[in-house]
């Protein structure tokens, strides 16, 4: 799984035994989303985890070559993300298929 740069790196510990790399660690920070997702798919990543709620509207999810898991949380601070960890882990344990979108959390803009 690849963790987007908008999610704190310390969050990796919350993901248990999942194999996680980060956009920053790979040197892909500040890469535009379309290019980033192509790099991730070409790099063999199966899941991309992000808090960018706009990404599903900006990208052709079925054509991505990886599963997109988007956190529906008001911000990407670790204390905001931690309450949805069980939901994130459940989504990951379902092994989402390439080209699918999974929304985790229930925050919506009013």
PDB file of N, CA and C in Angstrom:
ATOM      1  N   UNK A   1       0.839  -1.168   0.000  1.00  0.00           N
ATOM      2  CA  UNK A   1       0.000   0.000   0.000  1.00  0.00           C
ATOM      3  C   UNK A   1       0.887   1.235   0.000  1.00  0.00           C
ATOM      4  N   UNK A   2       0.404   2.257  -0.679  1.00  0.00           N
ATOM      5  CA  UNK A   2       1.117   3.525  -0.721  1.00  0.00           C
ATOM      6  C   UNK A   2       0.294   4.579   0.016  1.00  0.00           C
ATOM      7  N   UNK A   3       0.946   5.260   0.935  1.00  0.00           N
ATOM      8  CA  UNK A   3       0.319   6.297   1.752  1.00  0.00           C
ATOM      9  C   UNK A   3       0.622   7.656   1.132  1.00  0.00           C
ATOM     10  N   UNK A   4      -0.400   8.434   0.846  1.00  0.00           N
ATOM     11  CA  UNK A   4      -0.238   9.754   0.252  1.00  0.00           C
ATOM     12  C   UNK A   4       0.488  10.681   1.226  1.00  0.00           C
ATOM     13  N   UNK A   5       1.070  11.736   0.679  1.00  0.00           N
ATOM     14  CA  UNK A   5       1.824  12.666   1.522  1.00  0.00           C
ATOM     15  C   UNK A   5       0.937  13.487   2.442  1.00  0.00           C
ATOM     16  N   UNK A   6      -0.385  13.476   2.228  1.00  0.00           N
ATOM     17  CA  UNK A   6      -1.280  14.242   3.096  1.00  0.00           C
ATOM     18  C   UNK A   6      -1.617  13.502   4.391  1.00  0.00           C
ATOM     19  N   UNK A   7      -1.124  12.288   4.548  1.00  0.00           N
ATOM     20  CA  UNK A   7      -1.367  11.508   5.765  1.00  0.00           C
ATOM     21  C   UNK A   7      -0.062  11.437   6.550  1.00  0.00           C
ATOM     22  N   UNK A   8      -0.095  11.739   7.840  1.00  0.00           N
ATOM     23  CA  UNK A   8       1.141  11.742   8.635  1.00  0.00           C
ATOM     24  C   UNK A   8       1.852  10.384   8.587  1.00  0.00           C
ATOM     25  N   UNK A   9       3.157  10.439   8.400  1.00  0.00           N
ATOM     26  CA  UNK A   9       3.963   9.220   8.312  1.00  0.00           C
ATOM     27  C   UNK A   9       3.826   8.352   9.561  1.00  0.00           C
ATOM     28  N   UNK A  10       3.651   8.951  10.724  1.00  0.00           N
ATOM     29  CA  UNK A  10       3.505   8.200  11.978  1.00  0.00           C
ATOM     30  C   UNK A  10       2.291   7.275  11.945  1.00  0.00           C
ATOM     31  N   UNK A  11       1.359   7.533  11.042  1.00  0.00           N
ATOM     32  CA  UNK A  11       0.152   6.720  10.940  1.00  0.00           C
ATOM     33  C   UNK A  11       0.456   5.280  10.511  1.00  0.00           C
ATOM     34  N   UNK A  12       1.615   5.060   9.931  1.00  0.00           N
ATOM     35  CA  UNK A  12       1.999   3.704   9.505  1.00  0.00           C
ATOM     36  C   UNK A  12       1.863   2.721  10.666  1.00  0.00           C
ATOM     37  N   UNK A  13       2.224   3.135  11.859  1.00  0.00           N
ATOM     38  CA  UNK A  13       2.146   2.240  13.035  1.00  0.00           C
ATOM     39  C   UNK A  13       0.717   1.775  13.294  1.00  0.00           C
ATOM     40  N   UNK A  14      -0.258   2.589  12.939  1.00  0.00           N
ATOM     41  CA  UNK A  14      -1.663   2.249  13.171  1.00  0.00           C
ATOM     42  C   UNK A  14      -2.178   1.208  12.175  1.00  0.00           C
ATOM     43  N   UNK A  15      -1.416   0.959  11.128  1.00  0.00           N
ATOM     44  CA  UNK A  15      -1.880   0.057  10.078  1.00  0.00           C
ATOM     45  C   UNK A  15      -1.446  -1.389  10.281  1.00  0.00           C
ATOM     46  N   UNK A  16      -0.928  -1.676  11.470  1.00  0.00           N
ATOM     47  CA  UNK A  16      -0.610  -3.061  11.828  1.00  0.00           C
ATOM     48  C   UNK A  16       0.423  -3.683  10.923  1.00  0.00           C
ATOM     49  N   UNK A  17       0.125  -4.886  10.448  1.00  0.00           N
ATOM     50  CA  UNK A  17       1.113  -5.642   9.684  1.00  0.00           C
ATOM     51  C   UNK A  17       1.023  -5.403   8.171  1.00  0.00           C
ATOM     52  N   UNK A  18       0.288  -4.390   7.756  1.00  0.00           N
ATOM     53  CA  UNK A  18       0.213  -4.084   6.331  1.00  0.00           C
ATOM     54  C   UNK A  18       1.542  -3.508   5.849  1.00  0.00           C
ATOM     55  N   UNK A  19       1.943  -3.896   4.668  1.00  0.00           N
ATOM     56  CA  UNK A  19       3.173  -3.400   4.058  1.00  0.00           C
ATOM     57  C   UNK A  19       2.880  -2.012   3.491  1.00  0.00           C
ATOM     58  N   UNK A  20       3.513  -0.990   4.070  1.00  0.00           N
ATOM     59  CA  UNK A  20       3.192   0.397   3.717  1.00  0.00           C
ATOM     60  C   UNK A  20       4.454   1.154   3.316  1.00  0.00           C
ATOM     61  N   UNK A  21       4.359   1.852   2.206  1.00  0.00           N
ATOM     62  CA  UNK A  21       5.382   2.808   1.778  1.00  0.00           C
ATOM     63  C   UNK A  21       4.715   4.172   1.733  1.00  0.00           C
ATOM     64  N   UNK A  22       5.520   5.221   1.736  1.00  0.00           N
ATOM     65  CA  UNK A  22       4.946   6.561   1.651  1.00  0.00           C
ATOM     66  C   UNK A  22       5.452   7.277   0.402  1.00  0.00           C
ATOM     67  N   UNK A  23       4.624   8.175  -0.078  1.00  0.00           N
ATOM     68  CA  UNK A  23       4.979   8.996  -1.231  1.00  0.00           C
ATOM     69  C   UNK A  23       6.281   9.740  -0.947  1.00  0.00           C
ATOM     70  N   UNK A  24       6.418  10.260   0.257  1.00  0.00           N
ATOM     71  CA  UNK A  24       7.612  11.028   0.635  1.00  0.00           C
ATOM     72  C   UNK A  24       8.844  10.135   0.617  1.00  0.00           C
ATOM     73  N   UNK A  25       8.753   8.944   1.214  1.00  0.00           N
ATOM     74  CA  UNK A  25       9.903   8.036   1.258  1.00  0.00           C
ATOM     75  C   UNK A  25      10.380   7.638  -0.138  1.00  0.00           C
ATOM     76  N   UNK A  26       9.457   7.559  -1.085  1.00  0.00           N
ATOM     77  CA  UNK A  26       9.815   7.175  -2.449  1.00  0.00           C
ATOM     78  C   UNK A  26      10.329   8.350  -3.281  1.00  0.00           C
ATOM     79  N   UNK A  27      10.310   9.551  -2.686  1.00  0.00           N
ATOM     80  CA  UNK A  27      10.784  10.727  -3.406  1.00  0.00           C
ATOM     81  C   UNK A  27       9.763  11.287  -4.382  1.00  0.00           C
ATOM     82  N   UNK A  28       8.490  10.943  -4.175  1.00  0.00           N
ATOM     83  CA  UNK A  28       7.431  11.380  -5.079  1.00  0.00           C
ATOM     84  C   UNK A  28       6.613  12.540  -4.510  1.00  0.00           C
ATOM     85  N   UNK A  29       7.070  13.169  -3.451  1.00  0.00           N
ATOM     86  CA  UNK A  29       6.342  14.288  -2.854  1.00  0.00           C
ATOM     87  C   UNK A  29       6.155  15.385  -3.900  1.00  0.00           C
ATOM     88  N   UNK A  30       5.023  16.047  -3.851  1.00  0.00           N
ATOM     89  CA  UNK A  30       4.658  17.149  -4.742  1.00  0.00           C
ATOM     90  C   UNK A  30       4.406  16.711  -6.182  1.00  0.00           C
ATOM     91  N   UNK A  31       4.346  15.406  -6.423  1.00  0.00           N
ATOM     92  CA  UNK A  31       4.024  14.906  -7.759  1.00  0.00           C
ATOM     93  C   UNK A  31       2.519  15.053  -7.971  1.00  0.00           C
ATOM     94  N   UNK A  32       2.115  15.525  -9.134  1.00  0.00           N
ATOM     95  CA  UNK A  32       0.687  15.692  -9.449  1.00  0.00           C
ATOM     96  C   UNK A  32      -0.025  14.344  -9.341  1.00  0.00           C
ATOM     97  N   UNK A  33      -1.284  14.381  -8.907  1.00  0.00           N
ATOM     98  CA  UNK A  33      -2.033  13.153  -8.629  1.00  0.00           C
ATOM     99  C   UNK A  33      -2.048  12.148  -9.773  1.00  0.00           C
ATOM    100  N   UNK A  34      -2.312  12.582 -10.986  1.00  0.00           N
ATOM    101  CA  UNK A  34      -2.376  11.647 -12.104  1.00  0.00           C
ATOM    102  C   UNK A  34      -1.056  10.921 -12.309  1.00  0.00           C
ATOM    103  N   UNK A  35       0.027  11.665 -12.298  1.00  0.00           N
ATOM    104  CA  UNK A  35       1.364  11.081 -12.459  1.00  0.00           C
ATOM    105  C   UNK A  35       1.674  10.177 -11.266  1.00  0.00           C
ATOM    106  N   UNK A  36       1.353  10.646 -10.083  1.00  0.00           N
ATOM    107  CA  UNK A  36       1.603   9.884  -8.864  1.00  0.00           C
ATOM    108  C   UNK A  36       0.891   8.529  -8.896  1.00  0.00           C
ATOM    109  N   UNK A  37      -0.357   8.519  -9.296  1.00  0.00           N
ATOM    110  CA  UNK A  37      -1.112   7.273  -9.342  1.00  0.00           C
ATOM    111  C   UNK A  37      -0.574   6.326 -10.408  1.00  0.00           C
ATOM    112  N   UNK A  38      -0.107   6.872 -11.526  1.00  0.00           N
ATOM    113  CA  UNK A  38       0.517   6.018 -12.551  1.00  0.00           C
ATOM    114  C   UNK A  38       1.824   5.431 -12.029  1.00  0.00           C
ATOM    115  N   UNK A  39       2.625   6.229 -11.321  1.00  0.00           N
ATOM    116  CA  UNK A  39       3.858   5.729 -10.716  1.00  0.00           C
ATOM    117  C   UNK A  39       3.564   4.617  -9.714  1.00  0.00           C
ATOM    118  N   UNK A  40       2.539   4.839  -8.901  1.00  0.00           N
ATOM    119  CA  UNK A  40       2.168   3.847  -7.883  1.00  0.00           C
ATOM    120  C   UNK A  40       1.761   2.524  -8.529  1.00  0.00           C
ATOM    121  N   UNK A  41       0.921   2.595  -9.546  1.00  0.00           N
ATOM    122  CA  UNK A  41       0.475   1.374 -10.230  1.00  0.00           C
ATOM    123  C   UNK A  41       1.652   0.678 -10.904  1.00  0.00           C
ATOM    124  N   UNK A  42       2.515   1.451 -11.566  1.00  0.00           N
ATOM    125  CA  UNK A  42       3.679   0.876 -12.234  1.00  0.00           C
ATOM    126  C   UNK A  42       4.657   0.282 -11.224  1.00  0.00           C
ATOM    127  N   UNK A  43       4.665   0.836 -10.011  1.00  0.00           N
ATOM    128  CA  UNK A  43       5.549   0.341  -8.955  1.00  0.00           C
ATOM    129  C   UNK A  43       5.007  -0.885  -8.244  1.00  0.00           C
ATOM    130  N   UNK A  44       3.854  -1.370  -8.670  1.00  0.00           N
ATOM    131  CA  UNK A  44       3.303  -2.588  -8.095  1.00  0.00           C
ATOM    132  C   UNK A  44       2.422  -2.395  -6.875  1.00  0.00           C
ATOM    133  N   UNK A  45       2.119  -1.148  -6.540  1.00  0.00           N
ATOM    134  CA  UNK A  45       1.240  -0.915  -5.398  1.00  0.00           C
ATOM    135  C   UNK A  45      -0.182  -1.317  -5.757  1.00  0.00           C
ATOM    136  N   UNK A  46      -0.867  -1.934  -4.801  1.00  0.00           N
ATOM    137  CA  UNK A  46      -2.239  -2.380  -5.029  1.00  0.00           C
ATOM    138  C   UNK A  46      -3.262  -1.397  -4.488  1.00  0.00           C
ATOM    139  N   UNK A  47      -2.868  -0.623  -3.453  1.00  0.00           N
ATOM    140  CA  UNK A  47      -3.786   0.301  -2.787  1.00  0.00           C
ATOM    141  C   UNK A  47      -3.085   1.639  -2.574  1.00  0.00           C
ATOM    142  N   UNK A  48      -3.833   2.713  -2.816  1.00  0.00           N
ATOM    143  CA  UNK A  48      -3.356   4.061  -2.539  1.00  0.00           C
ATOM    144  C   UNK A  48      -4.297   4.661  -1.510  1.00  0.00           C
ATOM    145  N   UNK A  49      -3.763   5.059  -0.358  1.00  0.00           N
ATOM    146  CA  UNK A  49      -4.557   5.620   0.745  1.00  0.00           C
ATOM    147  C   UNK A  49      -4.303   7.121   0.816  1.00  0.00           C
ATOM    148  N   UNK A  50      -5.381   7.902   0.754  1.00  0.00           N
ATOM    149  CA  UNK A  50      -5.262   9.355   0.747  1.00  0.00           C
ATOM    150  C   UNK A  50      -6.400   9.991   1.539  1.00  0.00           C
ATOM    151  N   UNK A  51      -6.187  11.230   1.955  1.00  0.00           N
ATOM    152  CA  UNK A  51      -7.252  12.019   2.573  1.00  0.00           C
ATOM    153  C   UNK A  51      -7.768  13.067   1.590  1.00  0.00           C
ATOM    154  N   UNK A  52      -7.329  12.991   0.342  1.00  0.00           N
ATOM    155  CA  UNK A  52      -7.746  13.933  -0.701  1.00  0.00           C
ATOM    156  C   UNK A  52      -9.111  13.506  -1.240  1.00  0.00           C
ATOM    157  N   UNK A  53     -10.168  14.099  -0.689  1.00  0.00           N
ATOM    158  CA  UNK A  53     -11.529  13.724  -1.077  1.00  0.00           C
ATOM    159  C   UNK A  53     -11.879  14.137  -2.502  1.00  0.00           C
ATOM    160  N   UNK A  54     -11.081  14.992  -3.105  1.00  0.00           N
ATOM    161  CA  UNK A  54     -11.327  15.404  -4.484  1.00  0.00           C
ATOM    162  C   UNK A  54     -10.775  14.410  -5.507  1.00  0.00           C
ATOM    163  N   UNK A  55      -9.847  13.576  -5.080  1.00  0.00           N
ATOM    164  CA  UNK A  55      -9.178  12.691  -6.020  1.00  0.00           C
ATOM    165  C   UNK A  55     -10.137  11.830  -6.845  1.00  0.00           C
ATOM    166  N   UNK A  56     -11.182  11.239  -6.255  1.00  0.00           N
ATOM    167  CA  UNK A  56     -12.070  10.409  -7.078  1.00  0.00           C
ATOM    168  C   UNK A  56     -12.765  11.191  -8.187  1.00  0.00           C
ATOM    169  N   UNK A  57     -12.930  12.497  -8.005  1.00  0.00           N
ATOM    170  CA  UNK A  57     -13.581  13.330  -9.015  1.00  0.00           C
ATOM    171  C   UNK A  57     -12.600  13.808 -10.077  1.00  0.00           C
ATOM    172  N   UNK A  58     -11.312  13.769  -9.750  1.00  0.00           N
ATOM    173  CA  UNK A  58     -10.282  14.255 -10.651  1.00  0.00           C
ATOM    174  C   UNK A  58      -9.617  13.144 -11.457  1.00  0.00           C
ATOM    175  N   UNK A  59      -9.792  11.902 -11.023  1.00  0.00           N
ATOM    176  CA  UNK A  59      -9.115  10.778 -11.657  1.00  0.00           C
ATOM    177  C   UNK A  59     -10.126   9.752 -12.150  1.00  0.00           C
ATOM    178  N   UNK A  60      -9.759   9.022 -13.169  1.00  0.00           N
ATOM    179  CA  UNK A  60     -10.586   7.942 -13.688  1.00  0.00           C
ATOM    180  C   UNK A  60     -10.279   6.695 -12.863  1.00  0.00           C
ATOM    181  N   UNK A  61     -10.982   6.525 -11.759  1.00  0.00           N
ATOM    182  CA  UNK A  61     -10.681   5.454 -10.799  1.00  0.00           C
ATOM    183  C   UNK A  61     -10.664   4.068 -11.449  1.00  0.00           C
ATOM    184  N   UNK A  62     -11.647   3.699 -12.279  1.00  0.00           N
ATOM    185  CA  UNK A  62     -11.609   2.360 -12.869  1.00  0.00           C
ATOM    186  C   UNK A  62     -10.364   2.088 -13.716  1.00  0.00           C
ATOM    187  N   UNK A  63      -9.720   3.123 -14.211  1.00  0.00           N
ATOM    188  CA  UNK A  63      -8.545   2.945 -15.062  1.00  0.00           C
ATOM    189  C   UNK A  63      -7.221   3.068 -14.303  1.00  0.00           C
ATOM    190  N   UNK A  64      -7.264   3.232 -12.982  1.00  0.00           N
ATOM    191  CA  UNK A  64      -6.047   3.523 -12.223  1.00  0.00           C
ATOM    192  C   UNK A  64      -5.036   2.377 -12.178  1.00  0.00           C
ATOM    193  N   UNK A  65      -5.498   1.151 -12.138  1.00  0.00           N
ATOM    194  CA  UNK A  65      -4.573   0.032 -11.982  1.00  0.00           C
ATOM    195  C   UNK A  65      -4.258  -0.263 -10.530  1.00  0.00           C
ATOM    196  N   UNK A  66      -4.953   0.410  -9.627  1.00  0.00           N
ATOM    197  CA  UNK A  66      -4.846   0.141  -8.195  1.00  0.00           C
ATOM    198  C   UNK A  66      -6.132   0.573  -7.526  1.00  0.00           C
ATOM    199  N   UNK A  67      -6.330   0.142  -6.302  1.00  0.00           N
ATOM    200  CA  UNK A  67      -7.516   0.523  -5.535  1.00  0.00           C
ATOM    201  C   UNK A  67      -7.243   1.861  -4.844  1.00  0.00           C
ATOM    202  N   UNK A  68      -8.255   2.698  -4.804  1.00  0.00           N
ATOM    203  CA  UNK A  68      -8.150   3.997  -4.154  1.00  0.00           C
ATOM    204  C   UNK A  68      -8.990   3.962  -2.881  1.00  0.00           C
ATOM    205  N   UNK A  69      -8.339   4.216  -1.737  1.00  0.00           N
ATOM    206  CA  UNK A  69      -9.040   4.301  -0.457  1.00  0.00           C
ATOM    207  C   UNK A  69      -8.918   5.746   0.011  1.00  0.00           C
ATOM    208  N   UNK A  70     -10.069   6.403   0.145  1.00  0.00           N
ATOM    209  CA  UNK A  70     -10.104   7.828   0.487  1.00  0.00           C
ATOM    210  C   UNK A  70     -10.708   7.996   1.866  1.00  0.00           C
ATOM    211  N   UNK A  71     -10.024   8.743   2.712  1.00  0.00           N
ATOM    212  CA  UNK A  71     -10.506   9.014   4.059  1.00  0.00           C
ATOM    213  C   UNK A  71     -11.454  10.205   4.040  1.00  0.00           C
ATOM    214  N   UNK A  72     -12.685   9.981   4.460  1.00  0.00           N
ATOM    215  CA  UNK A  72     -13.676  11.051   4.568  1.00  0.00           C
ATOM    216  C   UNK A  72     -13.609  11.582   5.996  1.00  0.00           C
ATOM    217  N   UNK A  73     -12.586  12.404   6.234  1.00  0.00           N
ATOM    218  CA  UNK A  73     -12.346  13.012   7.539  1.00  0.00           C
ATOM    219  C   UNK A  73     -12.146  14.510   7.318  1.00  0.00           C
ATOM    220  N   UNK A  74     -12.422  15.343   8.330  1.00  0.00           N
ATOM    221  CA  UNK A  74     -12.352  16.792   8.125  1.00  0.00           C
ATOM    222  C   UNK A  74     -10.948  17.337   7.882  1.00  0.00           C
ATOM    223  N   UNK A  75      -9.922  16.618   8.330  1.00  0.00           N
ATOM    224  CA  UNK A  75      -8.538  17.036   8.097  1.00  0.00           C
ATOM    225  C   UNK A  75      -7.650  15.798   8.223  1.00  0.00           C
ATOM    226  N   UNK A  76      -6.394  15.942   7.933  1.00  0.00           N
ATOM    227  CA  UNK A  76      -5.514  14.780   7.938  1.00  0.00           C
ATOM    228  C   UNK A  76      -4.586  14.719   9.151  1.00  0.00           C
ATOM    229  N   UNK A  77      -4.995  15.352  10.242  1.00  0.00           N
ATOM    230  CA  UNK A  77      -4.214  15.213  11.474  1.00  0.00           C
ATOM    231  C   UNK A  77      -4.394  13.806  12.015  1.00  0.00           C
ATOM    232  N   UNK A  78      -3.360  13.263  12.586  1.00  0.00           N
ATOM    233  CA  UNK A  78      -3.390  11.879  13.033  1.00  0.00           C
ATOM    234  C   UNK A  78      -4.496  11.621  14.058  1.00  0.00           C
ATOM    235  N   UNK A  79      -4.758  12.596  14.922  1.00  0.00           N
ATOM    236  CA  UNK A  79      -5.815  12.415  15.926  1.00  0.00           C
ATOM    237  C   UNK A  79      -7.207  12.411  15.282  1.00  0.00           C
ATOM    238  N   UNK A  80      -7.326  12.968  14.105  1.00  0.00           N
ATOM    239  CA  UNK A  80      -8.587  12.935  13.370  1.00  0.00           C
ATOM    240  C   UNK A  80      -8.759  11.608  12.633  1.00  0.00           C
ATOM    241  N   UNK A  81      -7.655  11.064  12.163  1.00  0.00           N
ATOM    242  CA  UNK A  81      -7.688   9.815  11.399  1.00  0.00           C
ATOM    243  C   UNK A  81      -7.829   8.589  12.303  1.00  0.00           C
ATOM    244  N   UNK A  82      -7.205   8.612  13.454  1.00  0.00           N
ATOM    245  CA  UNK A  82      -7.186   7.418  14.319  1.00  0.00           C
ATOM    246  C   UNK A  82      -8.561   6.826  14.637  1.00  0.00           C
ATOM    247  N   UNK A  83      -9.616   7.618  14.852  1.00  0.00           N
ATOM    248  CA  UNK A  83     -10.917   7.012  15.139  1.00  0.00           C
ATOM    249  C   UNK A  83     -11.465   6.132  14.008  1.00  0.00           C
ATOM    250  N   UNK A  84     -10.999   6.330  12.786  1.00  0.00           N
ATOM    251  CA  UNK A  84     -11.499   5.508  11.677  1.00  0.00           C
ATOM    252  C   UNK A  84     -10.548   4.357  11.325  1.00  0.00           C
ATOM    253  N   UNK A  85      -9.526   4.129  12.159  1.00  0.00           N
ATOM    254  CA  UNK A  85      -8.582   3.032  11.899  1.00  0.00           C
ATOM    255  C   UNK A  85      -9.296   1.689  11.741  1.00  0.00           C
ATOM    256  N   UNK A  86     -10.251   1.322  12.619  1.00  0.00           N
ATOM    257  CA  UNK A  86     -10.913   0.021  12.412  1.00  0.00           C
ATOM    258  C   UNK A  86     -11.582  -0.084  11.038  1.00  0.00           C
ATOM    259  N   UNK A  87     -12.154   1.016  10.584  1.00  0.00           N
ATOM    260  CA  UNK A  87     -12.800   1.028   9.271  1.00  0.00           C
ATOM    261  C   UNK A  87     -11.759   0.921   8.145  1.00  0.00           C
ATOM    262  N   UNK A  88     -10.626   1.585   8.315  1.00  0.00           N
ATOM    263  CA  UNK A  88      -9.543   1.497   7.327  1.00  0.00           C
ATOM    264  C   UNK A  88      -9.034   0.062   7.246  1.00  0.00           C
ATOM    265  N   UNK A  89      -8.763  -0.529   8.404  1.00  0.00           N
ATOM    266  CA  UNK A  89      -8.249  -1.902   8.431  1.00  0.00           C
ATOM    267  C   UNK A  89      -9.255  -2.880   7.830  1.00  0.00           C
ATOM    268  N   UNK A  90     -10.529  -2.678   8.113  1.00  0.00           N
ATOM    269  CA  UNK A  90     -11.557  -3.548   7.534  1.00  0.00           C
ATOM    270  C   UNK A  90     -11.555  -3.425   6.010  1.00  0.00           C
ATOM    271  N   UNK A  91     -11.427  -2.201   5.498  1.00  0.00           N
ATOM    272  CA  UNK A  91     -11.387  -1.995   4.048  1.00  0.00           C
ATOM    273  C   UNK A  91     -10.159  -2.672   3.444  1.00  0.00           C
ATOM    274  N   UNK A  92      -9.011  -2.536   4.096  1.00  0.00           N
ATOM    275  CA  UNK A  92      -7.789  -3.151   3.583  1.00  0.00           C
ATOM    276  C   UNK A  92      -7.860  -4.673   3.641  1.00  0.00           C
ATOM    277  N   UNK A  93      -8.456  -5.200   4.707  1.00  0.00           N
ATOM    278  CA  UNK A  93      -8.563  -6.656   4.849  1.00  0.00           C
ATOM    279  C   UNK A  93      -9.511  -7.278   3.829  1.00  0.00           C
ATOM    280  N   UNK A  94     -10.391  -6.458   3.250  1.00  0.00           N
ATOM    281  CA  UNK A  94     -11.270  -6.940   2.175  1.00  0.00           C
ATOM    282  C   UNK A  94     -10.517  -7.016   0.851  1.00  0.00           C
ATOM    283  N   UNK A  95      -9.265  -6.569   0.855  1.00  0.00           N
ATOM    284  CA  UNK A  95      -8.404  -6.586  -0.331  1.00  0.00           C
ATOM    285  C   UNK A  95      -9.090  -5.942  -1.534  1.00  0.00           C
ATOM    286  N   UNK A  96      -9.262  -4.625  -1.489  1.00  0.00           N
ATOM    287  CA  UNK A  96      -9.958  -3.951  -2.588  1.00  0.00           C
ATOM    288  C   UNK A  96      -9.260  -4.191  -3.928  1.00  0.00           C
ATOM    289  N   UNK A  97     -10.047  -4.334  -4.944  1.00  0.00           N
ATOM    290  CA  UNK A  97      -9.549  -4.624  -6.291  1.00  0.00           C
ATOM    291  C   UNK A  97      -9.123  -3.347  -7.013  1.00  0.00           C
ATOM    292  N   UNK A  98      -8.197  -3.511  -7.927  1.00  0.00           N
ATOM    293  CA  UNK A  98      -7.750  -2.385  -8.762  1.00  0.00           C
ATOM    294  C   UNK A  98      -8.952  -1.764  -9.463  1.00  0.00           C
ATOM    295  N   UNK A  99      -8.959  -0.446  -9.512  1.00  0.00           N
ATOM    296  CA  UNK A  99     -10.031   0.270 -10.184  1.00  0.00           C
ATOM    297  C   UNK A  99     -11.243   0.551  -9.318  1.00  0.00           C
ATOM    298  N   UNK A 100     -11.142   0.220  -8.027  1.00  0.00           N
ATOM    299  CA  UNK A 100     -12.273   0.474  -7.134  1.00  0.00           C
ATOM    300  C   UNK A 100     -11.968   1.639  -6.196  1.00  0.00           C
ATOM    301  N   UNK A 101     -13.035   2.253  -5.723  1.00  0.00           N
ATOM    302  CA  UNK A 101     -12.956   3.349  -4.772  1.00  0.00           C
ATOM    303  C   UNK A 101     -13.642   2.917  -3.482  1.00  0.00           C
ATOM    304  N   UNK A 102     -12.953   3.098  -2.364  1.00  0.00           N
ATOM    305  CA  UNK A 102     -13.539   2.844  -1.049  1.00  0.00           C
ATOM    306  C   UNK A 102     -13.419   4.127  -0.246  1.00  0.00           C
ATOM    307  N   UNK A 103     -14.554   4.618   0.236  1.00  0.00           N
ATOM    308  CA  UNK A 103     -14.560   5.780   1.121  1.00  0.00           C
ATOM    309  C   UNK A 103     -14.618   5.273   2.545  1.00  0.00           C
ATOM    310  N   UNK A 104     -13.758   5.828   3.409  1.00  0.00           N
ATOM    311  CA  UNK A 104     -13.692   5.424   4.805  1.00  0.00           C
ATOM    312  C   UNK A 104     -13.960   6.653   5.665  1.00  0.00           C
ATOM    313  N   UNK A 105     -14.836   6.519   6.632  1.00  0.00           N
ATOM    314  CA  UNK A 105     -15.225   7.656   7.461  1.00  0.00           C
ATOM    315  C   UNK A 105     -16.555   8.177   6.991  1.00  0.00           C
ATOM    316  N   UNK A 106     -17.090   9.124   7.722  1.00  0.00           N
ATOM    317  CA  UNK A 106     -18.426   9.609   7.367  1.00  0.00           C
ATOM    318  C   UNK A 106     -18.521  11.136   7.332  1.00  0.00           C
ATOM    319  N   UNK A 107     -17.408  11.821   7.305  1.00  0.00           N
ATOM    320  CA  UNK A 107     -17.451  13.274   7.285  1.00  0.00           C
ATOM    321  C   UNK A 107     -17.841  13.747   5.892  1.00  0.00           C
ATOM    322  N   UNK A 108     -18.773  14.651   5.846  1.00  0.00           N
ATOM    323  CA  UNK A 108     -19.233  15.228   4.591  1.00  0.00           C
ATOM    324  C   UNK A 108     -19.271  16.740   4.729  1.00  0.00           C
ATOM    325  N   UNK A 109     -18.940  17.410   3.659  1.00  0.00           N
ATOM    326  CA  UNK A 109     -19.029  18.874   3.641  1.00  0.00           C
ATOM    327  C   UNK A 109     -20.497  19.232   3.575  1.00  0.00           C
ATOM    328  N   UNK A 110     -20.949  20.149   4.443  1.00  0.00           N
ATOM    329  CA  UNK A 110     -22.369  20.528   4.397  1.00  0.00           C
ATOM    330  C   UNK A 110     -22.577  21.704   3.493  1.00  0.00           C
TER     331      UNK A 110
END
